Amino acid sequence: MVITAVIIFCGGLAVGLQFGRSTTATKSTSVGQTAQTGQAGQFGPVGVVTDGWLTLASDPADFIGQGEHLTFTMTTAAFDIAGTAGGARASVNASPEERFDMHFVPPQGRNLSPGLYPNAQRWPFQSPVAPGMDIDGVGRGCNELSGTYQVVDMSFDPAGRVTELDIRFEQHCEHALAALRGELWATTLSGHHKHLPSIPTA
């Protein structure tokens, strides 16, 4: 099954997500796609998240979100993040049946830093000149996608490992109009907190 993801921005920022892959679908590599060398191991060790949340809002036709609006916090799910200047990943696990995984990488030769990353392609098969992203969950994912994400904030420890991550995104599975939109904020730092935004509408 093919999945399409769309990303929608408000005032230059992505405000929600939508997913479009079925629970029985399996990710595949399209003909001619080649994974970017070394990307699977570029994120470094997983950090212990001390606070975080994830909001998701999807259009009804989005394969991953299937029209749902979801919010996860530290009281309802387990969070982990990992990353370096070369890219970041996060997992939000509410139950064995409700887990979301996210990957974000900059174009080749650039560092991931605050800013807007349009025209993203599916990680890790993106063009060297395009940013990569991939958001899947609940057993569903995109075979191909288009999207945009914005790094709102990002910080690192002296070793170059991500300690705090705030990303807004919009994803279109299989390049469809339907979108999955959302925002992830997570920190490994003690005493840091960010209030949940208003849940985006699809």
N, C-alpha and C. Protein backbone atom coordinates (compact mmCIF):
# COMPACT_ATOMS: atom_id res chain seq x y z
N MET A 1 0.85 -1.19 0.00
CA MET A 1 0.00 0.00 0.00
C MET A 1 0.88 1.23 0.00
N VAL A 2 0.47 2.25 -0.75
CA VAL A 2 1.24 3.48 -0.82
C VAL A 2 0.71 4.47 0.19
N ILE A 3 1.60 5.24 0.79
CA ILE A 3 1.19 6.18 1.83
C ILE A 3 1.59 7.59 1.44
N THR A 4 0.72 8.55 1.70
CA THR A 4 1.05 9.92 1.37
C THR A 4 1.00 10.77 2.61
N ALA A 5 1.97 11.69 2.76
CA ALA A 5 1.97 12.56 3.92
C ALA A 5 2.06 13.98 3.47
N VAL A 6 1.35 14.90 4.17
CA VAL A 6 1.38 16.31 3.81
C VAL A 6 1.72 17.15 5.01
N ILE A 7 2.47 18.24 4.77
CA ILE A 7 2.81 19.11 5.89
C ILE A 7 2.23 20.49 5.66
N ILE A 8 1.58 21.06 6.64
CA ILE A 8 0.93 22.35 6.50
C ILE A 8 1.53 23.33 7.49
N PHE A 9 1.78 24.55 7.02
CA PHE A 9 2.40 25.55 7.87
C PHE A 9 1.48 26.74 8.05
N CYS A 10 1.59 27.33 9.20
CA CYS A 10 0.81 28.53 9.49
C CYS A 10 1.79 29.61 9.90
N GLY A 11 1.87 30.70 9.13
CA GLY A 11 2.83 31.73 9.45
C GLY A 11 4.25 31.24 9.31
N GLY A 12 4.46 30.32 8.36
CA GLY A 12 5.81 29.83 8.13
C GLY A 12 6.17 28.65 9.00
N LEU A 13 5.27 28.21 9.88
CA LEU A 13 5.58 27.11 10.78
C LEU A 13 4.62 25.96 10.53
N ALA A 14 5.14 24.77 10.64
CA ALA A 14 4.28 23.60 10.52
C ALA A 14 3.49 23.45 11.80
N VAL A 15 2.22 23.19 11.70
CA VAL A 15 1.40 23.13 12.91
C VAL A 15 0.72 21.79 13.11
N GLY A 16 0.97 20.82 12.32
CA GLY A 16 0.30 19.56 12.52
C GLY A 16 0.81 18.50 11.60
N LEU A 17 0.33 17.26 11.80
CA LEU A 17 0.73 16.15 10.97
C LEU A 17 -0.46 15.34 10.53
N GLN A 18 -0.21 14.57 9.50
CA GLN A 18 -1.19 13.56 9.13
C GLN A 18 -0.46 12.38 8.55
N PHE A 19 -0.92 11.16 8.87
CA PHE A 19 -0.26 9.96 8.37
C PHE A 19 -1.17 9.21 7.42
N GLY A 20 -0.57 8.44 6.47
CA GLY A 20 -1.39 7.71 5.54
C GLY A 20 -0.88 6.35 5.16
N ARG A 21 -0.61 5.44 6.08
CA ARG A 21 -0.21 4.08 5.71
C ARG A 21 -1.03 3.08 6.50
N SER A 22 -1.37 1.94 5.93
CA SER A 22 -2.25 0.99 6.61
C SER A 22 -1.48 0.12 7.58
N THR A 23 -2.20 -0.46 8.52
CA THR A 23 -1.56 -1.27 9.54
C THR A 23 -0.93 -2.52 8.95
N THR A 24 -1.34 -2.91 7.77
CA THR A 24 -0.77 -4.09 7.14
C THR A 24 0.29 -3.74 6.12
N ALA A 25 0.49 -2.46 5.90
CA ALA A 25 1.47 -2.05 4.90
C ALA A 25 2.88 -2.24 5.44
N THR A 26 3.79 -2.50 4.53
CA THR A 26 5.20 -2.65 4.90
C THR A 26 6.02 -1.67 4.11
N LYS A 27 6.90 -0.94 4.78
CA LYS A 27 7.75 0.01 4.08
C LYS A 27 8.62 -0.74 3.10
N SER A 28 8.79 -0.15 1.95
CA SER A 28 9.67 -0.75 0.95
C SER A 28 10.54 0.33 0.35
N THR A 29 11.58 -0.10 -0.31
CA THR A 29 12.46 0.83 -1.02
C THR A 29 12.01 0.89 -2.45
N SER A 30 11.63 2.08 -2.92
CA SER A 30 11.19 2.22 -4.29
C SER A 30 12.34 1.93 -5.24
N VAL A 31 11.98 1.51 -6.44
CA VAL A 31 13.01 1.22 -7.43
C VAL A 31 13.87 2.45 -7.66
N GLY A 32 15.17 2.26 -7.59
CA GLY A 32 16.09 3.37 -7.81
C GLY A 32 16.47 4.11 -6.55
N GLN A 33 15.83 3.82 -5.42
CA GLN A 33 16.16 4.51 -4.18
C GLN A 33 17.40 3.88 -3.55
N THR A 34 18.25 4.72 -3.00
CA THR A 34 19.45 4.25 -2.30
C THR A 34 19.54 4.97 -0.97
N ALA A 35 19.72 4.22 0.10
CA ALA A 35 19.84 4.84 1.41
C ALA A 35 21.14 5.62 1.49
N GLN A 36 21.08 6.81 2.13
CA GLN A 36 22.27 7.62 2.30
C GLN A 36 23.24 6.90 3.25
N THR A 37 24.45 6.75 2.85
CA THR A 37 25.44 5.99 3.60
C THR A 37 25.63 6.53 5.01
N GLY A 38 25.57 5.62 5.98
CA GLY A 38 25.88 5.98 7.36
C GLY A 38 24.77 6.66 8.12
N GLN A 39 23.61 6.90 7.49
CA GLN A 39 22.59 7.68 8.18
C GLN A 39 21.95 6.92 9.33
N ALA A 40 21.84 5.62 9.23
CA ALA A 40 21.18 4.88 10.30
C ALA A 40 21.90 5.02 11.63
N GLY A 41 23.22 5.21 11.61
CA GLY A 41 23.98 5.30 12.84
C GLY A 41 24.44 6.69 13.20
N GLN A 42 23.87 7.70 12.54
CA GLN A 42 24.37 9.05 12.73
C GLN A 42 23.78 9.75 13.95
N PHE A 43 22.82 9.14 14.62
CA PHE A 43 22.09 9.85 15.67
C PHE A 43 22.73 9.73 17.04
N GLY A 44 23.64 8.81 17.24
CA GLY A 44 24.31 8.69 18.53
C GLY A 44 23.45 7.99 19.56
N PRO A 45 23.92 7.98 20.82
CA PRO A 45 23.20 7.27 21.88
C PRO A 45 21.89 7.95 22.26
N VAL A 46 20.97 7.15 22.77
CA VAL A 46 19.66 7.66 23.20
C VAL A 46 19.80 8.39 24.53
N GLY A 47 19.19 9.56 24.63
CA GLY A 47 19.22 10.33 25.87
C GLY A 47 18.01 10.01 26.74
N VAL A 48 18.16 10.23 28.04
CA VAL A 48 17.06 10.01 28.99
C VAL A 48 16.21 11.28 29.04
N VAL A 49 15.01 11.21 28.54
CA VAL A 49 14.14 12.38 28.46
C VAL A 49 13.55 12.67 29.85
N THR A 50 13.66 13.91 30.28
CA THR A 50 13.11 14.33 31.57
C THR A 50 11.75 14.99 31.44
N ASP A 51 11.45 15.53 30.26
CA ASP A 51 10.14 16.13 30.02
C ASP A 51 9.94 16.20 28.51
N GLY A 52 8.68 16.11 28.09
CA GLY A 52 8.41 16.18 26.67
C GLY A 52 6.95 15.98 26.35
N TRP A 53 6.58 16.30 25.11
CA TRP A 53 5.24 16.06 24.62
C TRP A 53 5.24 15.98 23.09
N LEU A 54 4.20 15.38 22.56
CA LEU A 54 4.02 15.26 21.11
C LEU A 54 2.55 15.53 20.81
N THR A 55 2.29 16.42 19.84
CA THR A 55 0.93 16.65 19.36
C THR A 55 0.86 16.23 17.90
N LEU A 56 -0.22 15.62 17.52
CA LEU A 56 -0.45 15.18 16.14
C LEU A 56 -1.86 15.53 15.73
N ALA A 57 -2.01 16.02 14.51
CA ALA A 57 -3.33 16.28 13.93
C ALA A 57 -3.29 15.85 12.48
N SER A 58 -4.19 14.97 12.10
CA SER A 58 -4.15 14.44 10.74
C SER A 58 -5.47 14.68 10.02
N ASP A 59 -5.37 14.76 8.70
CA ASP A 59 -6.56 14.82 7.87
C ASP A 59 -7.20 13.44 7.81
N PRO A 60 -8.51 13.37 7.57
CA PRO A 60 -9.17 12.06 7.54
C PRO A 60 -8.56 11.08 6.55
N ALA A 61 -8.04 11.58 5.43
CA ALA A 61 -7.49 10.69 4.40
C ALA A 61 -6.01 10.39 4.62
N ASP A 62 -5.43 10.94 5.67
CA ASP A 62 -4.02 10.67 5.94
C ASP A 62 -3.87 9.23 6.40
N PHE A 63 -2.90 8.53 5.82
CA PHE A 63 -2.77 7.10 6.08
C PHE A 63 -2.29 6.79 7.48
N ILE A 64 -1.43 7.61 8.02
CA ILE A 64 -0.85 7.30 9.33
C ILE A 64 -1.78 7.75 10.45
N GLY A 65 -2.18 9.01 10.43
CA GLY A 65 -3.03 9.52 11.51
C GLY A 65 -4.49 9.18 11.37
N GLN A 66 -4.95 9.02 10.11
CA GLN A 66 -6.33 8.63 9.81
C GLN A 66 -7.37 9.51 10.49
N GLY A 67 -7.08 10.82 10.48
CA GLY A 67 -8.04 11.79 10.98
C GLY A 67 -8.01 12.03 12.48
N GLU A 68 -7.14 11.36 13.18
CA GLU A 68 -7.10 11.52 14.63
C GLU A 68 -6.28 12.73 15.05
N HIS A 69 -6.64 13.29 16.22
CA HIS A 69 -5.86 14.33 16.88
C HIS A 69 -5.38 13.73 18.20
N LEU A 70 -4.07 13.67 18.38
CA LEU A 70 -3.50 12.98 19.53
C LEU A 70 -2.52 13.87 20.27
N THR A 71 -2.46 13.70 21.58
CA THR A 71 -1.47 14.38 22.41
C THR A 71 -0.86 13.36 23.37
N PHE A 72 0.47 13.35 23.43
CA PHE A 72 1.19 12.46 24.33
C PHE A 72 2.08 13.30 25.25
N THR A 73 2.10 12.94 26.52
CA THR A 73 2.97 13.61 27.48
C THR A 73 3.73 12.55 28.26
N MET A 74 4.56 12.98 29.19
CA MET A 74 5.35 12.05 29.99
C MET A 74 4.48 11.15 30.87
N THR A 75 3.25 11.56 31.12
CA THR A 75 2.35 10.74 31.93
C THR A 75 1.61 9.69 31.11
N THR A 76 1.64 9.82 29.79
CA THR A 76 0.90 8.88 28.94
C THR A 76 1.79 8.08 28.01
N ALA A 77 3.09 8.42 27.92
CA ALA A 77 3.97 7.72 26.98
C ALA A 77 5.41 7.83 27.43
N ALA A 78 6.24 6.92 26.94
CA ALA A 78 7.69 6.97 27.17
C ALA A 78 8.34 7.65 25.97
N PHE A 79 9.26 8.58 26.24
CA PHE A 79 9.93 9.34 25.20
C PHE A 79 11.42 9.00 25.18
N ASP A 80 12.01 9.00 23.99
CA ASP A 80 13.47 9.04 23.90
C ASP A 80 13.87 9.85 22.69
N ILE A 81 15.02 10.51 22.79
CA ILE A 81 15.57 11.28 21.69
C ILE A 81 17.05 10.97 21.55
N ALA A 82 17.55 11.16 20.36
CA ALA A 82 18.98 11.02 20.10
C ALA A 82 19.31 11.90 18.91
N GLY A 83 20.55 12.36 18.84
CA GLY A 83 20.91 13.17 17.70
C GLY A 83 22.23 13.88 17.87
N THR A 84 22.69 14.39 16.75
CA THR A 84 23.88 15.21 16.66
C THR A 84 23.57 16.30 15.66
N ALA A 85 24.57 17.08 15.28
CA ALA A 85 24.36 18.09 14.25
C ALA A 85 24.00 17.45 12.91
N GLY A 86 24.25 16.15 12.77
CA GLY A 86 23.95 15.46 11.53
C GLY A 86 22.52 14.98 11.40
N GLY A 87 21.73 15.06 12.49
CA GLY A 87 20.35 14.63 12.42
C GLY A 87 19.82 14.25 13.78
N ALA A 88 18.51 14.11 13.87
CA ALA A 88 17.87 13.79 15.15
C ALA A 88 16.76 12.77 14.93
N ARG A 89 16.53 11.97 15.96
CA ARG A 89 15.44 11.00 15.94
C ARG A 89 14.75 11.01 17.29
N ALA A 90 13.50 10.58 17.31
CA ALA A 90 12.74 10.50 18.56
C ALA A 90 11.74 9.37 18.45
N SER A 91 11.42 8.80 19.61
CA SER A 91 10.38 7.78 19.69
C SER A 91 9.44 8.14 20.83
N VAL A 92 8.16 7.93 20.59
CA VAL A 92 7.14 8.16 21.61
C VAL A 92 6.31 6.88 21.67
N ASN A 93 6.35 6.23 22.82
CA ASN A 93 5.77 4.90 22.95
C ASN A 93 4.70 4.90 24.05
N ALA A 94 3.43 4.92 23.62
CA ALA A 94 2.33 4.90 24.58
C ALA A 94 1.94 3.48 24.95
N SER A 95 2.14 2.55 24.02
CA SER A 95 1.83 1.14 24.24
C SER A 95 2.45 0.37 23.08
N PRO A 96 2.51 -0.96 23.17
CA PRO A 96 3.04 -1.72 22.03
C PRO A 96 2.29 -1.45 20.73
N GLU A 97 1.02 -1.07 20.84
CA GLU A 97 0.21 -0.81 19.64
C GLU A 97 0.21 0.65 19.25
N GLU A 98 0.75 1.54 20.06
CA GLU A 98 0.69 2.98 19.78
C GLU A 98 2.07 3.60 20.01
N ARG A 99 2.90 3.50 18.98
CA ARG A 99 4.26 4.02 19.03
C ARG A 99 4.51 4.85 17.77
N PHE A 100 5.18 5.99 17.94
CA PHE A 100 5.52 6.85 16.82
C PHE A 100 7.04 7.06 16.81
N ASP A 101 7.63 6.93 15.62
CA ASP A 101 9.07 7.14 15.43
C ASP A 101 9.28 8.25 14.41
N MET A 102 10.22 9.14 14.70
CA MET A 102 10.47 10.31 13.87
C MET A 102 11.95 10.48 13.59
N HIS A 103 12.29 10.82 12.35
CA HIS A 103 13.68 11.07 11.96
C HIS A 103 13.73 12.36 11.15
N PHE A 104 14.75 13.18 11.42
CA PHE A 104 14.94 14.44 10.72
C PHE A 104 16.43 14.64 10.45
N VAL A 105 16.79 14.84 9.18
CA VAL A 105 18.19 15.09 8.85
C VAL A 105 18.27 16.25 7.86
N PRO A 106 19.36 17.02 7.91
CA PRO A 106 19.52 18.14 6.98
C PRO A 106 20.07 17.64 5.65
N PRO A 107 20.09 18.51 4.63
CA PRO A 107 20.75 18.13 3.39
C PRO A 107 22.22 17.79 3.64
N GLN A 108 22.77 16.98 2.79
CA GLN A 108 24.17 16.55 2.95
C GLN A 108 25.10 17.76 3.02
N GLY A 109 26.03 17.74 3.96
CA GLY A 109 27.00 18.82 4.10
C GLY A 109 26.53 19.96 4.99
N ARG A 110 25.30 19.88 5.52
CA ARG A 110 24.79 20.92 6.40
C ARG A 110 24.53 20.34 7.79
N ASN A 111 24.52 21.21 8.79
CA ASN A 111 24.19 20.80 10.15
C ASN A 111 22.71 21.08 10.42
N LEU A 112 22.11 20.21 11.23
CA LEU A 112 20.74 20.44 11.66
C LEU A 112 20.75 21.55 12.71
N SER A 113 20.00 22.60 12.46
CA SER A 113 19.98 23.76 13.35
C SER A 113 18.63 24.45 13.19
N PRO A 114 18.27 25.38 14.08
CA PRO A 114 16.99 26.05 13.95
C PRO A 114 16.78 26.66 12.57
N GLY A 115 15.59 26.45 12.03
CA GLY A 115 15.27 26.94 10.70
C GLY A 115 14.25 26.06 10.02
N LEU A 116 13.84 26.47 8.82
CA LEU A 116 12.83 25.76 8.05
C LEU A 116 13.49 24.85 7.03
N TYR A 117 12.96 23.62 6.90
CA TYR A 117 13.51 22.63 5.97
C TYR A 117 12.37 22.17 5.04
N PRO A 118 12.17 22.89 3.92
CA PRO A 118 11.09 22.52 2.99
C PRO A 118 11.55 21.42 2.03
N ASN A 119 10.57 20.89 1.30
CA ASN A 119 10.84 19.91 0.24
C ASN A 119 11.58 18.68 0.76
N ALA A 120 11.19 18.24 1.97
CA ALA A 120 11.83 17.06 2.54
C ALA A 120 11.36 15.80 1.83
N GLN A 121 12.24 14.82 1.80
CA GLN A 121 11.95 13.53 1.20
C GLN A 121 12.11 12.44 2.26
N ARG A 122 11.68 11.23 1.92
CA ARG A 122 11.69 10.15 2.91
C ARG A 122 13.13 9.77 3.29
N TRP A 123 13.40 9.87 4.61
CA TRP A 123 14.66 9.39 5.15
C TRP A 123 14.62 7.87 5.20
N PRO A 124 15.70 7.16 4.87
CA PRO A 124 17.04 7.64 4.52
C PRO A 124 17.31 7.61 3.02
N PHE A 125 16.26 7.76 2.21
CA PHE A 125 16.41 7.65 0.76
C PHE A 125 16.35 9.00 0.06
N GLN A 126 16.48 10.10 0.81
CA GLN A 126 16.38 11.42 0.23
C GLN A 126 17.58 11.72 -0.67
N SER A 127 17.37 12.66 -1.58
CA SER A 127 18.47 13.18 -2.40
C SER A 127 19.50 13.85 -1.50
N PRO A 128 20.79 13.85 -1.86
CA PRO A 128 21.80 14.52 -1.04
C PRO A 128 21.53 16.01 -0.83
N VAL A 129 20.78 16.63 -1.76
CA VAL A 129 20.53 18.07 -1.64
C VAL A 129 19.22 18.37 -0.93
N ALA A 130 18.48 17.34 -0.52
CA ALA A 130 17.19 17.54 0.15
C ALA A 130 17.28 17.13 1.61
N PRO A 131 16.50 17.79 2.48
CA PRO A 131 16.40 17.29 3.86
C PRO A 131 15.63 15.98 3.88
N GLY A 132 15.89 15.17 4.89
CA GLY A 132 15.19 13.91 5.03
C GLY A 132 14.30 13.92 6.26
N MET A 133 13.17 13.25 6.18
CA MET A 133 12.29 13.11 7.33
C MET A 133 11.50 11.82 7.17
N ASP A 134 11.01 11.31 8.27
CA ASP A 134 10.16 10.13 8.23
C ASP A 134 9.44 10.04 9.57
N ILE A 135 8.12 10.01 9.52
CA ILE A 135 7.30 9.88 10.72
C ILE A 135 6.36 8.71 10.49
N ASP A 136 6.49 7.69 11.31
CA ASP A 136 5.57 6.57 11.18
C ASP A 136 5.04 6.21 12.56
N GLY A 137 3.96 5.46 12.56
CA GLY A 137 3.38 5.11 13.85
C GLY A 137 2.22 4.16 13.72
N VAL A 138 1.91 3.49 14.81
CA VAL A 138 0.80 2.57 14.91
C VAL A 138 0.88 1.52 13.80
N GLY A 139 2.09 1.11 13.45
CA GLY A 139 2.28 0.11 12.42
C GLY A 139 2.11 0.61 11.01
N ARG A 140 2.02 1.93 10.83
CA ARG A 140 1.82 2.49 9.50
C ARG A 140 2.95 3.46 9.16
N GLY A 141 3.34 3.50 7.88
CA GLY A 141 4.39 4.39 7.44
C GLY A 141 4.29 4.67 5.97
N CYS A 142 5.05 5.64 5.50
CA CYS A 142 5.03 6.04 4.09
C CYS A 142 6.09 5.28 3.30
N ASN A 143 5.74 4.86 2.08
CA ASN A 143 6.75 4.33 1.18
C ASN A 143 7.51 5.46 0.51
N GLU A 144 6.80 6.51 0.15
CA GLU A 144 7.39 7.76 -0.32
C GLU A 144 6.67 8.88 0.40
N LEU A 145 7.30 10.05 0.48
CA LEU A 145 6.64 11.16 1.15
C LEU A 145 7.20 12.48 0.67
N SER A 146 6.45 13.53 0.93
CA SER A 146 6.93 14.90 0.79
C SER A 146 6.52 15.62 2.06
N GLY A 147 7.27 16.65 2.41
CA GLY A 147 6.95 17.33 3.66
C GLY A 147 7.86 18.49 3.94
N THR A 148 7.65 19.07 5.08
CA THR A 148 8.43 20.20 5.57
C THR A 148 8.53 20.09 7.08
N TYR A 149 9.65 20.48 7.61
CA TYR A 149 9.75 20.57 9.06
C TYR A 149 10.52 21.83 9.44
N GLN A 150 10.27 22.26 10.66
CA GLN A 150 10.95 23.44 11.19
C GLN A 150 11.58 23.09 12.53
N VAL A 151 12.87 23.26 12.64
CA VAL A 151 13.54 23.13 13.93
C VAL A 151 13.34 24.44 14.67
N VAL A 152 12.48 24.41 15.68
CA VAL A 152 12.20 25.61 16.46
C VAL A 152 13.37 25.89 17.41
N ASP A 153 13.86 24.83 18.05
CA ASP A 153 14.97 24.98 18.99
C ASP A 153 15.69 23.65 19.09
N MET A 154 16.98 23.73 19.37
CA MET A 154 17.79 22.52 19.47
C MET A 154 19.04 22.88 20.27
N SER A 155 19.41 22.03 21.24
CA SER A 155 20.61 22.29 22.02
C SER A 155 21.40 21.00 22.16
N PHE A 156 22.70 21.16 22.47
CA PHE A 156 23.63 20.04 22.52
C PHE A 156 24.47 20.11 23.78
N ASP A 157 24.98 18.94 24.21
CA ASP A 157 25.93 18.92 25.32
C ASP A 157 27.34 19.10 24.77
N PRO A 158 28.37 19.20 25.62
CA PRO A 158 29.74 19.42 25.14
C PRO A 158 30.24 18.33 24.18
N ALA A 159 29.64 17.14 24.25
CA ALA A 159 30.04 16.06 23.35
C ALA A 159 29.31 16.11 22.01
N GLY A 160 28.44 17.10 21.84
CA GLY A 160 27.72 17.24 20.57
C GLY A 160 26.45 16.43 20.46
N ARG A 161 25.96 15.90 21.59
CA ARG A 161 24.72 15.12 21.57
C ARG A 161 23.53 16.01 21.88
N VAL A 162 22.41 15.73 21.23
CA VAL A 162 21.20 16.53 21.43
C VAL A 162 20.72 16.40 22.87
N THR A 163 20.44 17.55 23.49
CA THR A 163 19.88 17.56 24.84
C THR A 163 18.46 18.11 24.87
N GLU A 164 18.07 18.85 23.85
CA GLU A 164 16.71 19.38 23.77
C GLU A 164 16.35 19.57 22.31
N LEU A 165 15.09 19.24 21.98
CA LEU A 165 14.66 19.25 20.58
C LEU A 165 13.22 19.74 20.50
N ASP A 166 12.98 20.70 19.63
CA ASP A 166 11.63 21.21 19.39
C ASP A 166 11.45 21.30 17.88
N ILE A 167 10.60 20.45 17.31
CA ILE A 167 10.42 20.38 15.86
C ILE A 167 8.93 20.36 15.53
N ARG A 168 8.53 21.20 14.56
CA ARG A 168 7.19 21.19 14.00
C ARG A 168 7.29 20.58 12.60
N PHE A 169 6.28 19.85 12.21
CA PHE A 169 6.41 19.14 10.94
C PHE A 169 5.05 18.94 10.27
N GLU A 170 5.15 18.68 8.96
CA GLU A 170 3.97 18.32 8.16
C GLU A 170 4.43 17.30 7.13
N GLN A 171 3.72 16.21 7.05
CA GLN A 171 4.15 15.10 6.18
C GLN A 171 2.98 14.64 5.31
N HIS A 172 3.30 14.34 4.03
CA HIS A 172 2.31 13.83 3.08
C HIS A 172 2.78 12.47 2.57
N CYS A 173 2.13 11.42 3.02
CA CYS A 173 2.48 10.09 2.52
C CYS A 173 2.09 9.95 1.06
N GLU A 174 2.99 9.34 0.31
CA GLU A 174 2.78 9.09 -1.11
C GLU A 174 2.43 10.37 -1.87
N HIS A 175 2.91 11.52 -1.33
CA HIS A 175 2.73 12.83 -1.98
C HIS A 175 1.25 13.22 -2.10
N ALA A 176 0.43 12.66 -1.26
CA ALA A 176 -1.01 12.97 -1.30
C ALA A 176 -1.27 14.35 -0.68
N LEU A 177 -2.48 14.84 -0.90
CA LEU A 177 -2.86 16.12 -0.31
C LEU A 177 -3.09 16.00 1.19
N ALA A 178 -3.60 14.88 1.63
CA ALA A 178 -3.86 14.68 3.06
C ALA A 178 -2.54 14.76 3.83
N ALA A 179 -2.61 15.33 5.02
CA ALA A 179 -1.37 15.59 5.77
C ALA A 179 -1.46 15.13 7.21
N LEU A 180 -0.28 14.87 7.74
CA LEU A 180 -0.09 14.66 9.18
C LEU A 180 0.75 15.83 9.67
N ARG A 181 0.27 16.51 10.70
CA ARG A 181 0.96 17.70 11.20
C ARG A 181 1.17 17.53 12.70
N GLY A 182 2.22 18.16 13.22
CA GLY A 182 2.42 18.07 14.65
C GLY A 182 3.66 18.79 15.13
N GLU A 183 3.89 18.64 16.42
CA GLU A 183 5.08 19.23 17.04
C GLU A 183 5.58 18.29 18.12
N LEU A 184 6.88 18.13 18.14
CA LEU A 184 7.56 17.34 19.18
C LEU A 184 8.47 18.26 19.97
N TRP A 185 8.35 18.20 21.29
CA TRP A 185 9.31 18.86 22.17
C TRP A 185 9.76 17.85 23.21
N ALA A 186 11.07 17.73 23.39
CA ALA A 186 11.60 16.81 24.39
C ALA A 186 12.95 17.32 24.86
N THR A 187 13.24 17.10 26.14
CA THR A 187 14.50 17.55 26.72
C THR A 187 15.08 16.48 27.63
N THR A 188 16.39 16.45 27.72
CA THR A 188 17.08 15.60 28.68
C THR A 188 17.62 16.42 29.84
N LEU A 189 17.32 17.72 29.85
CA LEU A 189 17.84 18.63 30.86
C LEU A 189 16.88 18.73 32.04
N SER A 190 17.40 18.78 33.23
CA SER A 190 16.58 18.90 34.43
C SER A 190 16.02 20.32 34.55
N GLY A 191 14.75 20.42 34.95
CA GLY A 191 14.15 21.72 35.20
C GLY A 191 13.66 22.45 33.98
N HIS A 192 13.80 21.88 32.79
CA HIS A 192 13.31 22.53 31.58
C HIS A 192 11.88 22.09 31.30
N HIS A 193 11.06 23.05 30.86
CA HIS A 193 9.66 22.75 30.56
C HIS A 193 9.16 23.70 29.49
N LYS A 194 8.28 23.20 28.62
CA LYS A 194 7.61 24.03 27.62
C LYS A 194 6.14 23.66 27.63
N HIS A 195 5.28 24.67 27.67
CA HIS A 195 3.85 24.43 27.73
C HIS A 195 3.35 23.84 26.41
N LEU A 196 2.40 22.95 26.52
CA LEU A 196 1.77 22.39 25.33
C LEU A 196 1.07 23.49 24.53
N PRO A 197 1.21 23.46 23.19
CA PRO A 197 0.48 24.43 22.36
C PRO A 197 -0.96 23.98 22.21
N SER A 198 -1.77 24.85 21.64
CA SER A 198 -3.12 24.44 21.27
C SER A 198 -3.01 23.34 20.24
N ILE A 199 -3.82 22.30 20.39
CA ILE A 199 -3.75 21.18 19.45
C ILE A 199 -4.16 21.67 18.06
N PRO A 200 -3.31 21.43 17.04
CA PRO A 200 -3.62 21.90 15.70
C PRO A 200 -4.85 21.21 15.13
N THR A 201 -5.51 21.90 14.24
CA THR A 201 -6.67 21.32 13.59
C THR A 201 -6.32 20.90 12.17
N ALA A 202 -6.89 19.80 11.73
CA ALA A 202 -6.60 19.31 10.39
C ALA A 202 -7.48 20.00 9.38
